[in-house]
Amino acid sequence: MMTRAADSVPLPVVTPLLRADGAWVKAEGRQRTGSVKYRLVASRVRAALESGALHGGRTLIEATSGSTGVSLAWVGKGLLFPVELHVYASAAPGKLERMRELGARVVLHPSDTPMSEILREVGRRAASGAAWWLGQYERDAGREPYEALARETLDQIRAAGGPPPRVFACPVGTGGLIQGVGRALRQACPGIRIIAVEPAEGVAVEGMRPFTRVHLGAEDPFDLSFPDEVARVEEAPGPTHVHEVELGESAAATLALVRSRGWTDALVIAAD
């Protein structure tokens, strides 16, 4: 029974790999729900259904800045499970609207509320037994789906006859994407440099956090020692398209950084 329920959560699709001024751009905006976060959500929910940890009558719950919430709301709607999302009031209005359109209950928190406090509230709801917590803020939550994403991307690069990437530049939100993809790339591409991208002081870029200032310490899913370098975006990007595919803000900012540094054979995961 649980396996059939898991099969009702569609697997991720293979997204396009684009070439832009010597860089590879993995267009995850073409993923189900328009974001790389669908890979994490589908993997976690399918595994919980298969194990019996998740079953009818439980609410799917998570703290999210946007894309994870949209993906979880979409999956919950398909399963006919209620969804409760804890979101900063400053989140992108379009994503808040999409969560609500998909039937999720959205709980807004003031933007100055520490993430640790929001996570404690979500944890209490899950501990009561009424809710199942997605757990995107666990250190290795995205390891399996994001390592699979790295393998998919490398297969596409090889099929295109291209050299392996020498640089992986990735914006940091929760930190799962850069670490999951980055681990697999380090194994497959010896010598690759992993560049964590964050906004400079006073710059706001959707999908990217200033993690050197906003970090949960030992409980944070992002390991500050993981990247080889931290690069900072000095201004929010304008609309950016690669082969008619529009990039989200974090990917546009990262690609602009790659171009400004003259990095060739670089890989950018366009998360949404």
C-alpha atoms as a PDB file:
ATOM      1  CA  MET A   1       0.000   0.000   0.000  1.00  0.00           C
ATOM      2  CA  MET A   2       2.764   2.436   0.954  1.00  0.00           C
ATOM      3  CA  THR A   3       4.672   1.741  -2.231  1.00  0.00           C
ATOM      4  CA  ARG A   4       1.596   2.636  -4.305  1.00  0.00           C
ATOM      5  CA  ALA A   5       1.265   5.883  -2.328  1.00  0.00           C
ATOM      6  CA  ALA A   6       4.932   6.667  -2.975  1.00  0.00           C
ATOM      7  CA  ASP A   7       4.453   6.056  -6.677  1.00  0.00           C
ATOM      8  CA  SER A   8       1.785   8.763  -6.706  1.00  0.00           C
ATOM      9  CA  VAL A   9       4.571  11.300  -6.086  1.00  0.00           C
ATOM     10  CA  PRO A  10       6.072  11.817  -9.576  1.00  0.00           C
ATOM     11  CA  LEU A  11       9.813  11.417  -9.985  1.00  0.00           C
ATOM     12  CA  PRO A  12      11.776  14.522 -11.010  1.00  0.00           C
ATOM     13  CA  VAL A  13      12.198  15.195 -14.721  1.00  0.00           C
ATOM     14  CA  VAL A  14      15.541  15.516 -16.497  1.00  0.00           C
ATOM     15  CA  THR A  15      16.054  19.261 -16.937  1.00  0.00           C
ATOM     16  CA  PRO A  16      17.920  20.990 -19.791  1.00  0.00           C
ATOM     17  CA  LEU A  17      21.633  21.767 -19.631  1.00  0.00           C
ATOM     18  CA  LEU A  18      22.448  25.040 -21.381  1.00  0.00           C
ATOM     19  CA  ARG A  19      25.692  26.690 -22.500  1.00  0.00           C
ATOM     20  CA  ALA A  20      26.312  30.368 -21.707  1.00  0.00           C
ATOM     21  CA  ASP A  21      29.659  32.061 -22.433  1.00  0.00           C
ATOM     22  CA  GLY A  22      31.657  28.972 -21.525  1.00  0.00           C
ATOM     23  CA  ALA A  23      29.538  28.112 -18.498  1.00  0.00           C
ATOM     24  CA  TRP A  24      27.141  25.207 -18.100  1.00  0.00           C
ATOM     25  CA  VAL A  25      23.726  26.215 -16.728  1.00  0.00           C
ATOM     26  CA  LYS A  26      21.448  23.471 -15.406  1.00  0.00           C
ATOM     27  CA  ALA A  27      17.927  24.848 -15.871  1.00  0.00           C
ATOM     28  CA  GLU A  28      16.090  23.541 -12.804  1.00  0.00           C
ATOM     29  CA  GLY A  29      13.394  26.124 -13.382  1.00  0.00           C
ATOM     30  CA  ARG A  30      12.085  23.533 -15.859  1.00  0.00           C
ATOM     31  CA  GLN A  31      11.744  21.017 -13.016  1.00  0.00           C
ATOM     32  CA  ARG A  32       8.320  20.045 -11.654  1.00  0.00           C
ATOM     33  CA  THR A  33       7.011  22.992  -9.568  1.00  0.00           C
ATOM     34  CA  GLY A  34       9.685  25.182 -11.203  1.00  0.00           C
ATOM     35  CA  SER A  35      12.476  24.516  -8.742  1.00  0.00           C
ATOM     36  CA  VAL A  36      15.342  22.176  -7.849  1.00  0.00           C
ATOM     37  CA  LYS A  37      13.661  21.844  -4.439  1.00  0.00           C
ATOM     38  CA  TYR A  38      11.196  19.410  -5.986  1.00  0.00           C
ATOM     39  CA  ARG A  39      14.004  16.845  -6.088  1.00  0.00           C
ATOM     40  CA  LEU A  40      14.453  17.052  -2.318  1.00  0.00           C
ATOM     41  CA  VAL A  41      10.732  17.099  -1.545  1.00  0.00           C
ATOM     42  CA  ALA A  42       9.911  14.145  -3.812  1.00  0.00           C
ATOM     43  CA  SER A  43      12.794  12.095  -2.417  1.00  0.00           C
ATOM     44  CA  ARG A  44      11.910  12.744   1.233  1.00  0.00           C
ATOM     45  CA  VAL A  45       8.161  12.253   0.834  1.00  0.00           C
ATOM     46  CA  ARG A  46       8.488   9.071  -1.240  1.00  0.00           C
ATOM     47  CA  ALA A  47      10.903   7.576   1.292  1.00  0.00           C
ATOM     48  CA  ALA A  48       8.581   8.425   4.198  1.00  0.00           C
ATOM     49  CA  LEU A  49       5.582   6.878   2.427  1.00  0.00           C
ATOM     50  CA  GLU A  50       7.517   3.721   1.627  1.00  0.00           C
ATOM     51  CA  SER A  51       8.727   3.335   5.229  1.00  0.00           C
ATOM     52  CA  GLY A  52       5.326   4.085   6.748  1.00  0.00           C
ATOM     53  CA  ALA A  53       6.615   7.165   8.582  1.00  0.00           C
ATOM     54  CA  LEU A  54       4.093   9.214   6.616  1.00  0.00           C
ATOM     55  CA  HIS A  55       0.484   8.187   6.204  1.00  0.00           C
ATOM     56  CA  GLY A  56      -2.956   9.641   5.727  1.00  0.00           C
ATOM     57  CA  GLY A  57      -4.211  11.987   8.404  1.00  0.00           C
ATOM     58  CA  ARG A  58      -0.856  13.670   9.014  1.00  0.00           C
ATOM     59  CA  THR A  59      -0.024  17.194   7.959  1.00  0.00           C
ATOM     60  CA  LEU A  60       3.093  17.876   5.891  1.00  0.00           C
ATOM     61  CA  ILE A  61       4.983  20.685   7.625  1.00  0.00           C
ATOM     62  CA  GLU A  62       8.120  22.733   6.971  1.00  0.00           C
ATOM     63  CA  ALA A  63       9.832  26.074   7.501  1.00  0.00           C
ATOM     64  CA  THR A  64      10.607  27.510   4.082  1.00  0.00           C
ATOM     65  CA  SER A  65      11.564  30.696   2.284  1.00  0.00           C
ATOM     66  CA  GLY A  66       9.540  29.802  -0.795  1.00  0.00           C
ATOM     67  CA  SER A  67      10.511  27.159  -3.342  1.00  0.00           C
ATOM     68  CA  THR A  68      10.483  24.215  -0.930  1.00  0.00           C
ATOM     69  CA  GLY A  69       7.065  25.308   0.252  1.00  0.00           C
ATOM     70  CA  VAL A  70       5.677  25.440  -3.275  1.00  0.00           C
ATOM     71  CA  SER A  71       7.005  21.939  -3.980  1.00  0.00           C
ATOM     72  CA  LEU A  72       5.653  20.522  -0.721  1.00  0.00           C
ATOM     73  CA  ALA A  73       2.257  22.149  -1.285  1.00  0.00           C
ATOM     74  CA  TRP A  74       2.107  20.667  -4.799  1.00  0.00           C
ATOM     75  CA  VAL A  75       2.961  17.180  -3.538  1.00  0.00           C
ATOM     76  CA  GLY A  76       0.511  17.490  -0.654  1.00  0.00           C
ATOM     77  CA  LYS A  77      -2.280  18.504  -2.993  1.00  0.00           C
ATOM     78  CA  GLY A  78      -1.608  15.449  -5.158  1.00  0.00           C
ATOM     79  CA  LEU A  79      -1.654  13.138  -2.131  1.00  0.00           C
ATOM     80  CA  LEU A  80      -4.690  14.899  -0.581  1.00  0.00           C
ATOM     81  CA  PHE A  81      -2.603  15.594   2.544  1.00  0.00           C
ATOM     82  CA  PRO A  82      -2.871  18.923   4.383  1.00  0.00           C
ATOM     83  CA  VAL A  83       0.221  21.134   4.260  1.00  0.00           C
ATOM     84  CA  GLU A  84       1.378  23.740   6.790  1.00  0.00           C
ATOM     85  CA  LEU A  85       4.212  26.089   5.839  1.00  0.00           C
ATOM     86  CA  HIS A  86       6.047  28.467   8.182  1.00  0.00           C
ATOM     87  CA  VAL A  87       7.350  31.372   6.131  1.00  0.00           C
ATOM     88  CA  TYR A  88       8.892  34.790   6.713  1.00  0.00           C
ATOM     89  CA  ALA A  89       6.465  37.623   5.953  1.00  0.00           C
ATOM     90  CA  SER A  90       9.144  39.068   3.651  1.00  0.00           C
ATOM     91  CA  ALA A  91       9.059  36.030   1.331  1.00  0.00           C
ATOM     92  CA  ALA A  92       8.441  36.620  -2.375  1.00  0.00           C
ATOM     93  CA  PRO A  93       4.734  37.488  -2.822  1.00  0.00           C
ATOM     94  CA  GLY A  94       4.424  35.295  -5.908  1.00  0.00           C
ATOM     95  CA  LYS A  95       5.595  32.232  -4.013  1.00  0.00           C
ATOM     96  CA  LEU A  96       3.312  32.952  -1.075  1.00  0.00           C
ATOM     97  CA  GLU A  97       0.397  33.235  -3.478  1.00  0.00           C
ATOM     98  CA  ARG A  98       1.344  29.968  -5.178  1.00  0.00           C
ATOM     99  CA  MET A  99       1.524  28.095  -1.844  1.00  0.00           C
ATOM    100  CA  ARG A 100      -1.953  29.291  -0.956  1.00  0.00           C
ATOM    101  CA  GLU A 101      -3.316  28.495  -4.427  1.00  0.00           C
ATOM    102  CA  LEU A 102      -2.110  24.918  -3.898  1.00  0.00           C
ATOM    103  CA  GLY A 103      -4.101  24.725  -0.671  1.00  0.00           C
ATOM    104  CA  ALA A 104      -1.348  25.082   1.924  1.00  0.00           C
ATOM    105  CA  ARG A 105      -1.905  26.790   5.252  1.00  0.00           C
ATOM    106  CA  VAL A 106       0.729  29.519   5.362  1.00  0.00           C
ATOM    107  CA  VAL A 107       1.895  30.726   8.787  1.00  0.00           C
ATOM    108  CA  LEU A 108       3.764  34.037   8.472  1.00  0.00           C
ATOM    109  CA  HIS A 109       6.540  35.046  10.857  1.00  0.00           C
ATOM    110  CA  PRO A 110       8.093  38.520  11.277  1.00  0.00           C
ATOM    111  CA  SER A 111      11.280  38.821   9.239  1.00  0.00           C
ATOM    112  CA  ASP A 112      13.371  39.408  12.373  1.00  0.00           C
ATOM    113  CA  THR A 113      12.300  36.097  13.957  1.00  0.00           C
ATOM    114  CA  PRO A 114      15.363  33.840  14.330  1.00  0.00           C
ATOM    115  CA  MET A 115      15.131  30.760  12.113  1.00  0.00           C
ATOM    116  CA  SER A 116      16.018  28.646  15.149  1.00  0.00           C
ATOM    117  CA  GLU A 117      12.804  29.832  16.831  1.00  0.00           C
ATOM    118  CA  ILE A 118      10.695  28.950  13.783  1.00  0.00           C
ATOM    119  CA  LEU A 119      12.302  25.522  13.571  1.00  0.00           C
ATOM    120  CA  ARG A 120      11.527  24.897  17.252  1.00  0.00           C
ATOM    121  CA  GLU A 121       7.868  25.695  16.608  1.00  0.00           C
ATOM    122  CA  VAL A 122       7.748  23.352  13.626  1.00  0.00           C
ATOM    123  CA  GLY A 123       9.544  20.690  15.673  1.00  0.00           C
ATOM    124  CA  ARG A 124       6.954  20.926  18.452  1.00  0.00           C
ATOM    125  CA  ARG A 125       4.151  20.432  15.923  1.00  0.00           C
ATOM    126  CA  ALA A 126       5.889  17.384  14.491  1.00  0.00           C
ATOM    127  CA  ALA A 127       6.660  15.944  17.948  1.00  0.00           C
ATOM    128  CA  SER A 128       2.957  16.038  18.821  1.00  0.00           C
ATOM    129  CA  GLY A 129       2.372  13.350  16.188  1.00  0.00           C
ATOM    130  CA  ALA A 130      -0.070  15.441  14.166  1.00  0.00           C
ATOM    131  CA  ALA A 131       2.457  16.466  11.543  1.00  0.00           C
ATOM    132  CA  TRP A 132       5.278  14.972   9.501  1.00  0.00           C
ATOM    133  CA  TRP A 133       8.277  17.288   9.177  1.00  0.00           C
ATOM    134  CA  LEU A 134      10.037  17.360   5.813  1.00  0.00           C
ATOM    135  CA  GLY A 135      13.324  18.274   7.505  1.00  0.00           C
ATOM    136  CA  GLN A 136      15.071  20.254   4.780  1.00  0.00           C
ATOM    137  CA  TYR A 137      17.287  21.847   7.440  1.00  0.00           C
ATOM    138  CA  GLU A 138      18.862  18.534   8.434  1.00  0.00           C
ATOM    139  CA  ARG A 139      22.561  18.455   7.473  1.00  0.00           C
ATOM    140  CA  ASP A 140      22.252  15.688   4.849  1.00  0.00           C
ATOM    141  CA  ALA A 141      18.584  16.108   3.906  1.00  0.00           C
ATOM    142  CA  GLY A 142      19.320  16.661   0.219  1.00  0.00           C
ATOM    143  CA  ARG A 143      22.320  14.414  -0.140  1.00  0.00           C
ATOM    144  CA  GLU A 144      20.725  11.615  -2.195  1.00  0.00           C
ATOM    145  CA  PRO A 145      18.598  13.736  -4.585  1.00  0.00           C
ATOM    146  CA  TYR A 146      21.311  16.331  -5.128  1.00  0.00           C
ATOM    147  CA  GLU A 147      24.052  13.782  -5.723  1.00  0.00           C
ATOM    148  CA  ALA A 148      21.701  12.267  -8.319  1.00  0.00           C
ATOM    149  CA  LEU A 149      21.381  15.744  -9.841  1.00  0.00           C
ATOM    150  CA  ALA A 150      25.177  15.983 -10.092  1.00  0.00           C
ATOM    151  CA  ARG A 151      25.367  12.630 -11.887  1.00  0.00           C
ATOM    152  CA  GLU A 152      22.583  13.657 -14.270  1.00  0.00           C
ATOM    153  CA  THR A 153      24.403  16.896 -15.075  1.00  0.00           C
ATOM    154  CA  LEU A 154      27.779  15.216 -15.651  1.00  0.00           C
ATOM    155  CA  ASP A 155      26.117  12.692 -17.972  1.00  0.00           C
ATOM    156  CA  GLN A 156      24.681  15.592 -19.989  1.00  0.00           C
ATOM    157  CA  ILE A 157      28.055  17.339 -20.181  1.00  0.00           C
ATOM    158  CA  ARG A 158      29.705  14.147 -21.428  1.00  0.00           C
ATOM    159  CA  ALA A 159      26.927  13.582 -23.959  1.00  0.00           C
ATOM    160  CA  ALA A 160      27.520  17.125 -25.248  1.00  0.00           C
ATOM    161  CA  GLY A 161      31.224  16.361 -25.663  1.00  0.00           C
ATOM    162  CA  GLY A 162      32.219  18.999 -23.146  1.00  0.00           C
ATOM    163  CA  PRO A 163      35.064  18.954 -20.622  1.00  0.00           C
ATOM    164  CA  PRO A 164      34.203  18.354 -16.959  1.00  0.00           C
ATOM    165  CA  PRO A 165      33.531  21.539 -14.990  1.00  0.00           C
ATOM    166  CA  ARG A 166      36.500  23.173 -13.306  1.00  0.00           C
ATOM    167  CA  VAL A 167      34.380  25.470 -11.112  1.00  0.00           C
ATOM    168  CA  PHE A 168      31.046  24.885  -9.399  1.00  0.00           C
ATOM    169  CA  ALA A 169      29.499  28.221  -8.387  1.00  0.00           C
ATOM    170  CA  CYS A 170      26.385  27.876  -6.274  1.00  0.00           C
ATOM    171  CA  PRO A 171      24.260  30.282  -4.240  1.00  0.00           C
ATOM    172  CA  VAL A 172      23.611  29.184  -0.675  1.00  0.00           C
ATOM    173  CA  GLY A 173      20.082  29.123   0.706  1.00  0.00           C
ATOM    174  CA  THR A 174      19.771  26.283   3.204  1.00  0.00           C
ATOM    175  CA  GLY A 175      23.111  24.887   2.008  1.00  0.00           C
ATOM    176  CA  GLY A 176      21.905  21.472   0.896  1.00  0.00           C
ATOM    177  CA  LEU A 177      22.286  22.064  -2.837  1.00  0.00           C
ATOM    178  CA  ILE A 178      25.921  23.174  -2.845  1.00  0.00           C
ATOM    179  CA  GLN A 179      26.932  20.341  -0.514  1.00  0.00           C
ATOM    180  CA  GLY A 180      24.964  17.546  -2.198  1.00  0.00           C
ATOM    181  CA  VAL A 181      26.010  18.441  -5.732  1.00  0.00           C
ATOM    182  CA  GLY A 182      29.471  19.544  -4.600  1.00  0.00           C
ATOM    183  CA  ARG A 183      30.324  16.232  -2.899  1.00  0.00           C
ATOM    184  CA  ALA A 184      29.557  14.272  -6.044  1.00  0.00           C
ATOM    185  CA  LEU A 185      31.486  16.736  -8.218  1.00  0.00           C
ATOM    186  CA  ARG A 186      34.574  16.524  -6.013  1.00  0.00           C
ATOM    187  CA  GLN A 187      34.591  12.773  -6.440  1.00  0.00           C
ATOM    188  CA  ALA A 188      34.033  12.880 -10.198  1.00  0.00           C
ATOM    189  CA  CYS A 189      36.104  15.972 -11.075  1.00  0.00           C
ATOM    190  CA  PRO A 190      39.357  16.082  -9.081  1.00  0.00           C
ATOM    191  CA  GLY A 191      40.581  19.619  -8.565  1.00  0.00           C
ATOM    192  CA  ILE A 192      37.204  21.299  -9.091  1.00  0.00           C
ATOM    193  CA  ARG A 193      36.749  24.492  -7.073  1.00  0.00           C
ATOM    194  CA  ILE A 194      33.517  24.904  -5.111  1.00  0.00           C
ATOM    195  CA  ILE A 195      32.447  28.548  -4.852  1.00  0.00           C
ATOM    196  CA  ALA A 196      29.713  29.507  -2.386  1.00  0.00           C
ATOM    197  CA  VAL A 197      27.873  32.647  -3.465  1.00  0.00           C
ATOM    198  CA  GLU A 198      26.207  35.009  -0.993  1.00  0.00           C
ATOM    199  CA  PRO A 199      24.868  38.568  -1.177  1.00  0.00           C
ATOM    200  CA  ALA A 200      27.113  41.413  -0.084  1.00  0.00           C
ATOM    201  CA  GLU A 201      26.133  43.612   2.847  1.00  0.00           C
ATOM    202  CA  GLY A 202      22.874  45.411   2.096  1.00  0.00           C
ATOM    203  CA  VAL A 203      22.121  43.400  -1.058  1.00  0.00           C
ATOM    204  CA  ALA A 204      18.977  41.241  -1.201  1.00  0.00           C
ATOM    205  CA  VAL A 205      18.809  38.372  -3.699  1.00  0.00           C
ATOM    206  CA  GLU A 206      15.881  35.953  -3.619  1.00  0.00           C
ATOM    207  CA  GLY A 207      17.006  32.392  -2.864  1.00  0.00           C
ATOM    208  CA  MET A 208      20.324  33.449  -1.356  1.00  0.00           C
ATOM    209  CA  ARG A 209      21.228  34.206   2.265  1.00  0.00           C
ATOM    210  CA  PRO A 210      24.201  36.062   3.778  1.00  0.00           C
ATOM    211  CA  PHE A 211      25.281  32.888   5.547  1.00  0.00           C
ATOM    212  CA  THR A 212      28.482  34.313   7.025  1.00  0.00           C
ATOM    213  CA  ARG A 213      26.167  36.557   9.109  1.00  0.00           C
ATOM    214  CA  VAL A 214      22.988  34.470   9.269  1.00  0.00           C
ATOM    215  CA  HIS A 215      24.157  31.052  10.420  1.00  0.00           C
ATOM    216  CA  LEU A 216      22.726  28.687  13.043  1.00  0.00           C
ATOM    217  CA  GLY A 217      26.097  27.459  14.219  1.00  0.00           C
ATOM    218  CA  ALA A 218      26.495  23.724  14.789  1.00  0.00           C
ATOM    219  CA  GLU A 219      22.785  23.175  14.015  1.00  0.00           C
ATOM    220  CA  ASP A 220      22.972  24.852  10.608  1.00  0.00           C
ATOM    221  CA  PRO A 221      22.705  22.487   7.617  1.00  0.00           C
ATOM    222  CA  PHE A 222      25.448  24.427   5.821  1.00  0.00           C
ATOM    223  CA  ASP A 223      29.018  23.544   6.744  1.00  0.00           C
ATOM    224  CA  LEU A 224      31.014  26.783   6.518  1.00  0.00           C
ATOM    225  CA  SER A 225      34.202  24.812   5.820  1.00  0.00           C
ATOM    226  CA  PHE A 226      32.744  23.073   2.748  1.00  0.00           C
ATOM    227  CA  PRO A 227      33.394  25.587  -0.075  1.00  0.00           C
ATOM    228  CA  ASP A 228      36.861  26.457  -1.365  1.00  0.00           C
ATOM    229  CA  GLU A 229      35.898  30.116  -1.619  1.00  0.00           C
ATOM    230  CA  VAL A 230      33.087  32.495  -0.713  1.00  0.00           C
ATOM    231  CA  ALA A 231      32.175  35.078  -3.371  1.00  0.00           C
ATOM    232  CA  ARG A 232      29.807  37.967  -2.766  1.00  0.00           C
ATOM    233  CA  VAL A 233      27.259  39.489  -5.126  1.00  0.00           C
ATOM    234  CA  GLU A 234      27.516  43.279  -5.041  1.00  0.00           C
ATOM    235  CA  GLU A 235      24.131  44.065  -6.607  1.00  0.00           C
ATOM    236  CA  ALA A 236      20.848  42.365  -7.361  1.00  0.00           C
ATOM    237  CA  PRO A 237      20.709  41.114 -10.970  1.00  0.00           C
ATOM    238  CA  GLY A 238      18.307  42.238 -13.632  1.00  0.00           C
ATOM    239  CA  PRO A 239      16.234  39.777 -15.693  1.00  0.00           C
ATOM    240  CA  THR A 240      18.533  37.189 -17.264  1.00  0.00           C
ATOM    241  CA  HIS A 241      17.788  34.680 -20.018  1.00  0.00           C
ATOM    242  CA  VAL A 242      19.894  31.833 -21.363  1.00  0.00           C
ATOM    243  CA  HIS A 243      18.573  30.463 -24.653  1.00  0.00           C
ATOM    244  CA  GLU A 244      15.119  31.895 -23.874  1.00  0.00           C
ATOM    245  CA  VAL A 245      15.092  30.289 -20.404  1.00  0.00           C
ATOM    246  CA  GLU A 246      14.588  32.925 -17.704  1.00  0.00           C
ATOM    247  CA  LEU A 247      16.750  32.441 -14.633  1.00  0.00           C
ATOM    248  CA  GLY A 248      15.689  33.120 -11.063  1.00  0.00           C
ATOM    249  CA  GLU A 249      17.480  35.845  -9.112  1.00  0.00           C
ATOM    250  CA  SER A 250      20.025  33.618  -7.363  1.00  0.00           C
ATOM    251  CA  ALA A 251      21.047  31.878 -10.600  1.00  0.00           C
ATOM    252  CA  ALA A 252      21.192  35.173 -12.516  1.00  0.00           C
ATOM    253  CA  ALA A 253      23.431  36.672  -9.839  1.00  0.00           C
ATOM    254  CA  THR A 254      25.677  33.605  -9.819  1.00  0.00           C
ATOM    255  CA  LEU A 255      26.005  33.549 -13.614  1.00  0.00           C
ATOM    256  CA  ALA A 256      26.862  37.266 -13.605  1.00  0.00           C
ATOM    257  CA  LEU A 257      29.598  36.533 -11.065  1.00  0.00           C
ATOM    258  CA  VAL A 258      30.961  33.679 -13.198  1.00  0.00           C
ATOM    259  CA  ARG A 259      31.083  35.965 -16.236  1.00  0.00           C
ATOM    260  CA  SER A 260      32.772  38.779 -14.306  1.00  0.00           C
ATOM    261  CA  ARG A 261      35.477  36.415 -13.039  1.00  0.00           C
ATOM    262  CA  GLY A 262      36.079  34.968 -16.495  1.00  0.00           C
ATOM    263  CA  TRP A 263      35.586  31.422 -15.232  1.00  0.00           C
ATOM    264  CA  THR A 264      35.284  28.959 -18.099  1.00  0.00           C
ATOM    265  CA  ASP A 265      33.914  25.444 -17.893  1.00  0.00           C
ATOM    266  CA  ALA A 266      32.014  26.531 -14.789  1.00  0.00           C
ATOM    267  CA  LEU A 267      28.757  24.924 -13.662  1.00  0.00           C
ATOM    268  CA  VAL A 268      25.796  26.901 -12.317  1.00  0.00           C
ATOM    269  CA  ILE A 269      22.693  25.151 -11.012  1.00  0.00           C
ATOM    270  CA  ALA A 270      19.816  27.495 -11.841  1.00  0.00           C
ATOM    271  CA  ALA A 271      17.729  26.451  -8.857  1.00  0.00           C
ATOM    272  CA  ASP A 272      14.513  28.093 -10.050  1.00  0.00           C
END
